[in-house]
Amino acid sequence: MRQNLQLAVVGGTDADANAAIRNEISTIFEEVLGRPVSIRDDTDIVEDLGMDSLGVMNFVMAIEDFYDISIPLDRIAQIQTVADLIAAVEALRSGRVA
């Protein structure tokens, strides 16, 4: 007789994954900016955090190193908020080109 085995997803929802990535991103922001930051999904990376173009590039390199991904320049231009960044990181980590 053949057994019907089911696998259960343990430990999380998309919201949990987003919260984990948001916390990691917050830590990276703090390292790059050298000061504490508080971010939400709607935080505008340049406007709300006061980042200039050099700061953005340093941040992008830190994100790429941390997640072992490469963010294409055209994709960087599409990222304005923390939510945009989370979506980009998730897509690049999973191999999706969104």
PDB file of N, CA and C in Angstrom:
ATOM      1  N   MET A   1       0.836  -1.167   0.000  1.00  0.00           N
ATOM      2  CA  MET A   1       0.000   0.000   0.000  1.00  0.00           C
ATOM      3  C   MET A   1       0.892   1.245   0.000  1.00  0.00           C
ATOM      4  N   ARG A   2       0.528   2.167  -0.817  1.00  0.00           N
ATOM      5  CA  ARG A   2       1.298   3.394  -0.939  1.00  0.00           C
ATOM      6  C   ARG A   2       0.822   4.413   0.074  1.00  0.00           C
ATOM      7  N   GLN A   3       1.771   5.053   0.730  1.00  0.00           N
ATOM      8  CA  GLN A   3       1.417   6.068   1.722  1.00  0.00           C
ATOM      9  C   GLN A   3       1.302   7.420   1.042  1.00  0.00           C
ATOM     10  N   ASN A   4       0.369   8.178   1.508  1.00  0.00           N
ATOM     11  CA  ASN A   4       0.210   9.540   1.008  1.00  0.00           C
ATOM     12  C   ASN A   4       0.843  10.476   2.029  1.00  0.00           C
ATOM     13  N   LEU A   5       2.023  10.970   1.712  1.00  0.00           N
ATOM     14  CA  LEU A   5       2.739  11.848   2.623  1.00  0.00           C
ATOM     15  C   LEU A   5       2.542  13.287   2.211  1.00  0.00           C
ATOM     16  N   GLN A   6       2.329  14.138   3.183  1.00  0.00           N
ATOM     17  CA  GLN A   6       2.207  15.561   2.913  1.00  0.00           C
ATOM     18  C   GLN A   6       3.270  16.299   3.701  1.00  0.00           C
ATOM     19  N   LEU A   7       3.829  17.289   3.078  1.00  0.00           N
ATOM     20  CA  LEU A   7       4.808  18.120   3.755  1.00  0.00           C
ATOM     21  C   LEU A   7       4.119  19.377   4.243  1.00  0.00           C
ATOM     22  N   ALA A   8       4.447  19.771   5.416  1.00  0.00           N
ATOM     23  CA  ALA A   8       3.888  20.995   5.975  1.00  0.00           C
ATOM     24  C   ALA A   8       4.951  22.082   5.943  1.00  0.00           C
ATOM     25  N   VAL A   9       4.522  23.274   5.618  1.00  0.00           N
ATOM     26  CA  VAL A   9       5.426  24.406   5.686  1.00  0.00           C
ATOM     27  C   VAL A   9       5.513  24.812   7.139  1.00  0.00           C
ATOM     28  N   VAL A  10       6.720  24.818   7.648  1.00  0.00           N
ATOM     29  CA  VAL A  10       6.923  25.096   9.059  1.00  0.00           C
ATOM     30  C   VAL A  10       7.454  26.511   9.215  1.00  0.00           C
ATOM     31  N   GLY A  11       6.853  27.251  10.103  1.00  0.00           N
ATOM     32  CA  GLY A  11       7.462  28.464  10.554  1.00  0.00           C
ATOM     33  C   GLY A  11       7.103  29.736   9.874  1.00  0.00           C
ATOM     34  N   GLY A  12       6.269  29.760   8.873  1.00  0.00           N
ATOM     35  CA  GLY A  12       6.086  31.118   8.494  1.00  0.00           C
ATOM     36  C   GLY A  12       5.165  31.425   7.361  1.00  0.00           C
ATOM     37  N   THR A  13       4.854  32.687   7.350  1.00  0.00           N
ATOM     38  CA  THR A  13       4.025  33.264   6.317  1.00  0.00           C
ATOM     39  C   THR A  13       4.861  34.293   5.579  1.00  0.00           C
ATOM     40  N   ASP A  14       4.282  34.822   4.511  1.00  0.00           N
ATOM     41  CA  ASP A  14       4.977  35.886   3.779  1.00  0.00           C
ATOM     42  C   ASP A  14       5.210  37.091   4.679  1.00  0.00           C
ATOM     43  N   ALA A  15       4.250  37.370   5.565  1.00  0.00           N
ATOM     44  CA  ALA A  15       4.406  38.510   6.477  1.00  0.00           C
ATOM     45  C   ALA A  15       5.606  38.304   7.399  1.00  0.00           C
ATOM     46  N   ASP A  16       5.791  37.060   7.866  1.00  0.00           N
ATOM     47  CA  ASP A  16       6.954  36.759   8.714  1.00  0.00           C
ATOM     48  C   ASP A  16       8.250  36.937   7.933  1.00  0.00           C
ATOM     49  N   ALA A  17       8.258  36.462   6.691  1.00  0.00           N
ATOM     50  CA  ALA A  17       9.445  36.597   5.857  1.00  0.00           C
ATOM     51  C   ALA A  17       9.740  38.061   5.595  1.00  0.00           C
ATOM     52  N   ASN A  18       8.698  38.841   5.304  1.00  0.00           N
ATOM     53  CA  ASN A  18       8.894  40.276   5.072  1.00  0.00           C
ATOM     54  C   ASN A  18       9.433  40.966   6.311  1.00  0.00           C
ATOM     55  N   ALA A  19       8.936  40.591   7.478  1.00  0.00           N
ATOM     56  CA  ALA A  19       9.413  41.202   8.720  1.00  0.00           C
ATOM     57  C   ALA A  19      10.882  40.865   8.946  1.00  0.00           C
ATOM     58  N   ALA A  20      11.277  39.637   8.656  1.00  0.00           N
ATOM     59  CA  ALA A  20      12.673  39.242   8.819  1.00  0.00           C
ATOM     60  C   ALA A  20      13.567  40.027   7.867  1.00  0.00           C
ATOM     61  N   ILE A  21      13.152  40.128   6.607  1.00  0.00           N
ATOM     62  CA  ILE A  21      13.938  40.888   5.635  1.00  0.00           C
ATOM     63  C   ILE A  21      13.970  42.359   6.020  1.00  0.00           C
ATOM     64  N   ARG A  22      12.852  42.902   6.477  1.00  0.00           N
ATOM     65  CA  ARG A  22      12.803  44.312   6.899  1.00  0.00           C
ATOM     66  C   ARG A  22      13.784  44.558   8.044  1.00  0.00           C
ATOM     67  N   ASN A  23      13.852  43.643   8.997  1.00  0.00           N
ATOM     68  CA  ASN A  23      14.800  43.779  10.108  1.00  0.00           C
ATOM     69  C   ASN A  23      16.244  43.724   9.623  1.00  0.00           C
ATOM     70  N   GLU A  24      16.525  42.820   8.695  1.00  0.00           N
ATOM     71  CA  GLU A  24      17.874  42.725   8.142  1.00  0.00           C
ATOM     72  C   GLU A  24      18.239  44.008   7.387  1.00  0.00           C
ATOM     73  N   ILE A  25      17.292  44.515   6.600  1.00  0.00           N
ATOM     74  CA  ILE A  25      17.514  45.752   5.845  1.00  0.00           C
ATOM     75  C   ILE A  25      17.734  46.918   6.799  1.00  0.00           C
ATOM     76  N   SER A  26      16.978  46.971   7.872  1.00  0.00           N
ATOM     77  CA  SER A  26      17.144  48.033   8.861  1.00  0.00           C
ATOM     78  C   SER A  26      18.550  48.017   9.436  1.00  0.00           C
ATOM     79  N   THR A  27      19.037  46.833   9.752  1.00  0.00           N
ATOM     80  CA  THR A  27      20.395  46.691  10.286  1.00  0.00           C
ATOM     81  C   THR A  27      21.435  47.161   9.265  1.00  0.00           C
ATOM     82  N   ILE A  28      21.225  46.815   8.005  1.00  0.00           N
ATOM     83  CA  ILE A  28      22.157  47.241   6.956  1.00  0.00           C
ATOM     84  C   ILE A  28      22.123  48.757   6.802  1.00  0.00           C
ATOM     85  N   PHE A  29      20.911  49.352   6.825  1.00  0.00           N
ATOM     86  CA  PHE A  29      20.808  50.816   6.781  1.00  0.00           C
ATOM     87  C   PHE A  29      21.614  51.442   7.910  1.00  0.00           C
ATOM     88  N   GLU A  30      21.454  50.920   9.110  1.00  0.00           N
ATOM     89  CA  GLU A  30      22.154  51.473  10.276  1.00  0.00           C
ATOM     90  C   GLU A  30      23.668  51.391  10.108  1.00  0.00           C
ATOM     91  N   GLU A  31      24.139  50.276   9.549  1.00  0.00           N
ATOM     92  CA  GLU A  31      25.580  50.120   9.319  1.00  0.00           C
ATOM     93  C   GLU A  31      26.083  51.118   8.282  1.00  0.00           C
ATOM     94  N   VAL A  32      25.334  51.282   7.191  1.00  0.00           N
ATOM     95  CA  VAL A  32      25.762  52.177   6.114  1.00  0.00           C
ATOM     96  C   VAL A  32      25.661  53.643   6.539  1.00  0.00           C
ATOM     97  N   LEU A  33      24.570  53.987   7.232  1.00  0.00           N
ATOM     98  CA  LEU A  33      24.351  55.379   7.625  1.00  0.00           C
ATOM     99  C   LEU A  33      25.085  55.757   8.908  1.00  0.00           C
ATOM    100  N   GLY A  34      25.427  54.767   9.705  1.00  0.00           N
ATOM    101  CA  GLY A  34      26.129  55.036  10.957  1.00  0.00           C
ATOM    102  C   GLY A  34      25.250  55.641  12.026  1.00  0.00           C
ATOM    103  N   ARG A  35      23.957  55.369  11.942  1.00  0.00           N
ATOM    104  CA  ARG A  35      23.007  55.873  12.937  1.00  0.00           C
ATOM    105  C   ARG A  35      21.783  54.958  12.962  1.00  0.00           C
ATOM    106  N   PRO A  36      21.042  54.991  14.071  1.00  0.00           N
ATOM    107  CA  PRO A  36      19.826  54.171  14.145  1.00  0.00           C
ATOM    108  C   PRO A  36      18.773  54.667  13.158  1.00  0.00           C
ATOM    109  N   VAL A  37      18.021  53.748  12.601  1.00  0.00           N
ATOM    110  CA  VAL A  37      16.918  54.100  11.703  1.00  0.00           C
ATOM    111  C   VAL A  37      15.685  53.305  12.081  1.00  0.00           C
ATOM    112  N   SER A  38      14.549  53.870  11.743  1.00  0.00           N
ATOM    113  CA  SER A  38      13.280  53.178  11.909  1.00  0.00           C
ATOM    114  C   SER A  38      12.619  53.163  10.542  1.00  0.00           C
ATOM    115  N   ILE A  39      12.332  51.973  10.028  1.00  0.00           N
ATOM    116  CA  ILE A  39      11.745  51.870   8.699  1.00  0.00           C
ATOM    117  C   ILE A  39      10.435  51.111   8.735  1.00  0.00           C
ATOM    118  N   ARG A  40       9.596  51.420   7.753  1.00  0.00           N
ATOM    119  CA  ARG A  40       8.348  50.698   7.494  1.00  0.00           C
ATOM    120  C   ARG A  40       8.326  50.383   6.013  1.00  0.00           C
ATOM    121  N   ASP A  41       7.337  49.649   5.585  1.00  0.00           N
ATOM    122  CA  ASP A  41       7.246  49.315   4.163  1.00  0.00           C
ATOM    123  C   ASP A  41       7.147  50.554   3.288  1.00  0.00           C
ATOM    124  N   ASP A  42       6.494  51.607   3.775  1.00  0.00           N
ATOM    125  CA  ASP A  42       6.310  52.804   2.952  1.00  0.00           C
ATOM    126  C   ASP A  42       7.426  53.841   3.127  1.00  0.00           C
ATOM    127  N   THR A  43       8.488  53.491   3.846  1.00  0.00           N
ATOM    128  CA  THR A  43       9.624  54.400   4.006  1.00  0.00           C
ATOM    129  C   THR A  43      10.291  54.617   2.655  1.00  0.00           C
ATOM    130  N   ASP A  44      10.414  55.887   2.253  1.00  0.00           N
ATOM    131  CA  ASP A  44      11.112  56.247   1.023  1.00  0.00           C
ATOM    132  C   ASP A  44      12.611  56.257   1.333  1.00  0.00           C
ATOM    133  N   ILE A  45      13.354  55.449   0.621  1.00  0.00           N
ATOM    134  CA  ILE A  45      14.767  55.236   0.937  1.00  0.00           C
ATOM    135  C   ILE A  45      15.584  56.517   0.839  1.00  0.00           C
ATOM    136  N   VAL A  46      15.348  57.311  -0.191  1.00  0.00           N
ATOM    137  CA  VAL A  46      16.135  58.534  -0.368  1.00  0.00           C
ATOM    138  C   VAL A  46      15.569  59.671   0.467  1.00  0.00           C
ATOM    139  N   GLU A  47      14.279  59.926   0.346  1.00  0.00           N
ATOM    140  CA  GLU A  47      13.668  61.071   1.016  1.00  0.00           C
ATOM    141  C   GLU A  47      13.624  60.922   2.539  1.00  0.00           C
ATOM    142  N   ASP A  48      13.118  59.795   3.013  1.00  0.00           N
ATOM    143  CA  ASP A  48      12.925  59.626   4.458  1.00  0.00           C
ATOM    144  C   ASP A  48      14.224  59.356   5.211  1.00  0.00           C
ATOM    145  N   LEU A  49      15.182  58.722   4.548  1.00  0.00           N
ATOM    146  CA  LEU A  49      16.435  58.383   5.222  1.00  0.00           C
ATOM    147  C   LEU A  49      17.561  59.351   4.878  1.00  0.00           C
ATOM    148  N   GLY A  50      17.287  60.286   3.986  1.00  0.00           N
ATOM    149  CA  GLY A  50      18.273  61.312   3.650  1.00  0.00           C
ATOM    150  C   GLY A  50      19.525  60.768   2.989  1.00  0.00           C
ATOM    151  N   MET A  51      19.360  59.779   2.137  1.00  0.00           N
ATOM    152  CA  MET A  51      20.520  59.180   1.476  1.00  0.00           C
ATOM    153  C   MET A  51      20.822  59.918   0.178  1.00  0.00           C
ATOM    154  N   ASP A  52      22.112  60.161  -0.064  1.00  0.00           N
ATOM    155  CA  ASP A  52      22.530  60.711  -1.344  1.00  0.00           C
ATOM    156  C   ASP A  52      22.900  59.553  -2.268  1.00  0.00           C
ATOM    157  N   SER A  53      23.327  59.865  -3.498  1.00  0.00           N
ATOM    158  CA  SER A  53      23.601  58.810  -4.476  1.00  0.00           C
ATOM    159  C   SER A  53      24.739  57.886  -4.023  1.00  0.00           C
ATOM    160  N   LEU A  54      25.752  58.431  -3.382  1.00  0.00           N
ATOM    161  CA  LEU A  54      26.846  57.601  -2.877  1.00  0.00           C
ATOM    162  C   LEU A  54      26.350  56.674  -1.765  1.00  0.00           C
ATOM    163  N   GLY A  55      25.516  57.203  -0.871  1.00  0.00           N
ATOM    164  CA  GLY A  55      24.942  56.385   0.190  1.00  0.00           C
ATOM    165  C   GLY A  55      24.083  55.267  -0.364  1.00  0.00           C
ATOM    166  N   VAL A  56      23.304  55.572  -1.401  1.00  0.00           N
ATOM    167  CA  VAL A  56      22.465  54.549  -2.028  1.00  0.00           C
ATOM    168  C   VAL A  56      23.338  53.447  -2.620  1.00  0.00           C
ATOM    169  N   MET A  57      24.411  53.828  -3.316  1.00  0.00           N
ATOM    170  CA  MET A  57      25.274  52.811  -3.920  1.00  0.00           C
ATOM    171  C   MET A  57      25.973  51.973  -2.851  1.00  0.00           C
ATOM    172  N   ASN A  58      26.414  52.601  -1.762  1.00  0.00           N
ATOM    173  CA  ASN A  58      27.008  51.835  -0.660  1.00  0.00           C
ATOM    174  C   ASN A  58      25.989  50.868  -0.067  1.00  0.00           C
ATOM    175  N   PHE A  59      24.766  51.336   0.072  1.00  0.00           N
ATOM    176  CA  PHE A  59      23.701  50.497   0.603  1.00  0.00           C
ATOM    177  C   PHE A  59      23.412  49.325  -0.335  1.00  0.00           C
ATOM    178  N   VAL A  60      23.318  49.599  -1.634  1.00  0.00           N
ATOM    179  CA  VAL A  60      23.058  48.544  -2.619  1.00  0.00           C
ATOM    180  C   VAL A  60      24.160  47.485  -2.561  1.00  0.00           C
ATOM    181  N   MET A  61      25.409  47.921  -2.485  1.00  0.00           N
ATOM    182  CA  MET A  61      26.512  46.949  -2.393  1.00  0.00           C
ATOM    183  C   MET A  61      26.418  46.128  -1.113  1.00  0.00           C
ATOM    184  N   ALA A  62      26.014  46.757  -0.011  1.00  0.00           N
ATOM    185  CA  ALA A  62      25.863  46.021   1.249  1.00  0.00           C
ATOM    186  C   ALA A  62      24.729  45.003   1.148  1.00  0.00           C
ATOM    187  N   ILE A  63      23.623  45.383   0.503  1.00  0.00           N
ATOM    188  CA  ILE A  63      22.494  44.458   0.299  1.00  0.00           C
ATOM    189  C   ILE A  63      22.943  43.284  -0.576  1.00  0.00           C
ATOM    190  N   GLU A  64      23.645  43.591  -1.662  1.00  0.00           N
ATOM    191  CA  GLU A  64      24.111  42.532  -2.559  1.00  0.00           C
ATOM    192  C   GLU A  64      25.039  41.565  -1.829  1.00  0.00           C
ATOM    193  N   ASP A  65      25.942  42.092  -1.029  1.00  0.00           N
ATOM    194  CA  ASP A  65      26.853  41.232  -0.267  1.00  0.00           C
ATOM    195  C   ASP A  65      26.104  40.385   0.749  1.00  0.00           C
ATOM    196  N   PHE A  66      25.181  41.004   1.487  1.00  0.00           N
ATOM    197  CA  PHE A  66      24.470  40.302   2.547  1.00  0.00           C
ATOM    198  C   PHE A  66      23.635  39.152   1.983  1.00  0.00           C
ATOM    199  N   TYR A  67      22.908  39.414   0.887  1.00  0.00           N
ATOM    200  CA  TYR A  67      22.007  38.409   0.323  1.00  0.00           C
ATOM    201  C   TYR A  67      22.638  37.590  -0.806  1.00  0.00           C
ATOM    202  N   ASP A  68      23.898  37.908  -1.158  1.00  0.00           N
ATOM    203  CA  ASP A  68      24.586  37.223  -2.247  1.00  0.00           C
ATOM    204  C   ASP A  68      23.756  37.270  -3.535  1.00  0.00           C
ATOM    205  N   ILE A  69      23.348  38.484  -3.892  1.00  0.00           N
ATOM    206  CA  ILE A  69      22.590  38.715  -5.108  1.00  0.00           C
ATOM    207  C   ILE A  69      23.247  39.869  -5.861  1.00  0.00           C
ATOM    208  N   SER A  70      22.818  40.058  -7.099  1.00  0.00           N
ATOM    209  CA  SER A  70      23.253  41.201  -7.892  1.00  0.00           C
ATOM    210  C   SER A  70      21.994  41.921  -8.364  1.00  0.00           C
ATOM    211  N   ILE A  71      21.882  43.187  -8.008  1.00  0.00           N
ATOM    212  CA  ILE A  71      20.714  43.965  -8.387  1.00  0.00           C
ATOM    213  C   ILE A  71      21.062  44.758  -9.643  1.00  0.00           C
ATOM    214  N   PRO A  72      20.403  44.467 -10.767  1.00  0.00           N
ATOM    215  CA  PRO A  72      20.680  45.198 -12.005  1.00  0.00           C
ATOM    216  C   PRO A  72      20.371  46.697 -11.844  1.00  0.00           C
ATOM    217  N   LEU A  73      21.151  47.530 -12.533  1.00  0.00           N
ATOM    218  CA  LEU A  73      20.969  48.981 -12.419  1.00  0.00           C
ATOM    219  C   LEU A  73      19.555  49.426 -12.762  1.00  0.00           C
ATOM    220  N   ASP A  74      18.934  48.816 -13.776  1.00  0.00           N
ATOM    221  CA  ASP A  74      17.574  49.218 -14.118  1.00  0.00           C
ATOM    222  C   ASP A  74      16.595  48.865 -12.999  1.00  0.00           C
ATOM    223  N   ARG A  75      16.896  47.804 -12.277  1.00  0.00           N
ATOM    224  CA  ARG A  75      16.045  47.410 -11.143  1.00  0.00           C
ATOM    225  C   ARG A  75      16.227  48.369  -9.967  1.00  0.00           C
ATOM    226  N   ILE A  76      17.456  48.841  -9.749  1.00  0.00           N
ATOM    227  CA  ILE A  76      17.720  49.795  -8.675  1.00  0.00           C
ATOM    228  C   ILE A  76      16.888  51.049  -8.884  1.00  0.00           C
ATOM    229  N   ALA A  77      16.777  51.491 -10.130  1.00  0.00           N
ATOM    230  CA  ALA A  77      16.021  52.701 -10.450  1.00  0.00           C
ATOM    231  C   ALA A  77      14.536  52.552 -10.116  1.00  0.00           C
ATOM    232  N   GLN A  78      14.031  51.332 -10.058  1.00  0.00           N
ATOM    233  CA  GLN A  78      12.616  51.077  -9.763  1.00  0.00           C
ATOM    234  C   GLN A  78      12.332  51.000  -8.268  1.00  0.00           C
ATOM    235  N   ILE A  79      13.356  50.951  -7.456  1.00  0.00           N
ATOM    236  CA  ILE A  79      13.194  50.782  -6.010  1.00  0.00           C
ATOM    237  C   ILE A  79      13.147  52.147  -5.349  1.00  0.00           C
ATOM    238  N   GLN A  80      11.991  52.456  -4.758  1.00  0.00           N
ATOM    239  CA  GLN A  80      11.837  53.730  -4.065  1.00  0.00           C
ATOM    240  C   GLN A  80      11.585  53.531  -2.574  1.00  0.00           C
ATOM    241  N   THR A  81      10.784  52.539  -2.232  1.00  0.00           N
ATOM    242  CA  THR A  81      10.413  52.318  -0.838  1.00  0.00           C
ATOM    243  C   THR A  81      11.027  51.020  -0.313  1.00  0.00           C
ATOM    244  N   VAL A  82      10.936  50.843   0.986  1.00  0.00           N
ATOM    245  CA  VAL A  82      11.404  49.606   1.605  1.00  0.00           C
ATOM    246  C   VAL A  82      10.619  48.418   1.058  1.00  0.00           C
ATOM    247  N   ALA A  83       9.320  48.571   0.830  1.00  0.00           N
ATOM    248  CA  ALA A  83       8.513  47.485   0.266  1.00  0.00           C
ATOM    249  C   ALA A  83       9.024  47.094  -1.115  1.00  0.00           C
ATOM    250  N   ASP A  84       9.396  48.090  -1.927  1.00  0.00           N
ATOM    251  CA  ASP A  84       9.969  47.810  -3.248  1.00  0.00           C
ATOM    252  C   ASP A  84      11.262  47.002  -3.099  1.00  0.00           C
ATOM    253  N   LEU A  85      12.067  47.382  -2.141  1.00  0.00           N
ATOM    254  CA  LEU A  85      13.342  46.704  -1.910  1.00  0.00           C
ATOM    255  C   LEU A  85      13.120  45.269  -1.447  1.00  0.00           C
ATOM    256  N   ILE A  86      12.180  45.069  -0.538  1.00  0.00           N
ATOM    257  CA  ILE A  86      11.872  43.719  -0.062  1.00  0.00           C
ATOM    258  C   ILE A  86      11.427  42.843  -1.234  1.00  0.00           C
ATOM    259  N   ALA A  87      10.546  43.379  -2.084  1.00  0.00           N
ATOM    260  CA  ALA A  87      10.061  42.618  -3.245  1.00  0.00           C
ATOM    261  C   ALA A  87      11.215  42.282  -4.188  1.00  0.00           C
ATOM    262  N   ALA A  88      12.122  43.220  -4.403  1.00  0.00           N
ATOM    263  CA  ALA A  88      13.262  42.978  -5.289  1.00  0.00           C
ATOM    264  C   ALA A  88      14.182  41.909  -4.712  1.00  0.00           C
ATOM    265  N   VAL A  89      14.468  41.997  -3.422  1.00  0.00           N
ATOM    266  CA  VAL A  89      15.337  41.007  -2.776  1.00  0.00           C
ATOM    267  C   VAL A  89      14.710  39.621  -2.866  1.00  0.00           C
ATOM    268  N   GLU A  90      13.419  39.523  -2.557  1.00  0.00           N
ATOM    269  CA  GLU A  90      12.746  38.228  -2.616  1.00  0.00           C
ATOM    270  C   GLU A  90      12.766  37.662  -4.033  1.00  0.00           C
ATOM    271  N   ALA A  91      12.499  38.526  -5.021  1.00  0.00           N
ATOM    272  CA  ALA A  91      12.485  38.064  -6.420  1.00  0.00           C
ATOM    273  C   ALA A  91      13.868  37.601  -6.857  1.00  0.00           C
ATOM    274  N   LEU A  92      14.888  38.364  -6.526  1.00  0.00           N
ATOM    275  CA  LEU A  92      16.241  37.996  -6.934  1.00  0.00           C
ATOM    276  C   LEU A  92      16.737  36.753  -6.205  1.00  0.00           C
ATOM    277  N   ARG A  93      16.379  36.591  -4.955  1.00  0.00           N
ATOM    278  CA  ARG A  93      16.789  35.398  -4.206  1.00  0.00           C
ATOM    279  C   ARG A  93      16.113  34.141  -4.725  1.00  0.00           C
ATOM    280  N   SER A  94      14.883  34.292  -5.224  1.00  0.00           N
ATOM    281  CA  SER A  94      14.155  33.129  -5.712  1.00  0.00           C
ATOM    282  C   SER A  94      14.396  32.878  -7.197  1.00  0.00           C
ATOM    283  N   GLY A  95      15.150  33.781  -7.845  1.00  0.00           N
ATOM    284  CA  GLY A  95      15.448  33.605  -9.254  1.00  0.00           C
ATOM    285  C   GLY A  95      14.416  34.204 -10.181  1.00  0.00           C
ATOM    286  N   ARG A  96      13.402  34.854  -9.627  1.00  0.00           N
ATOM    287  CA  ARG A  96      12.386  35.517 -10.451  1.00  0.00           C
ATOM    288  C   ARG A  96      12.940  36.857 -10.916  1.00  0.00           C
ATOM    289  N   VAL A  97      12.602  37.217 -12.114  1.00  0.00           N
ATOM    290  CA  VAL A  97      12.966  38.538 -12.620  1.00  0.00           C
ATOM    291  C   VAL A  97      11.679  39.332 -12.695  1.00  0.00           C
ATOM    292  N   ALA A  98      11.397  40.062 -11.618  1.00  0.00           N
ATOM    293  CA  ALA A  98      10.130  40.796 -11.547  1.00  0.00           C
ATOM    294  C   ALA A  98      10.360  42.267 -11.762  1.00  0.00           C
TER     295      ALA A  98
END
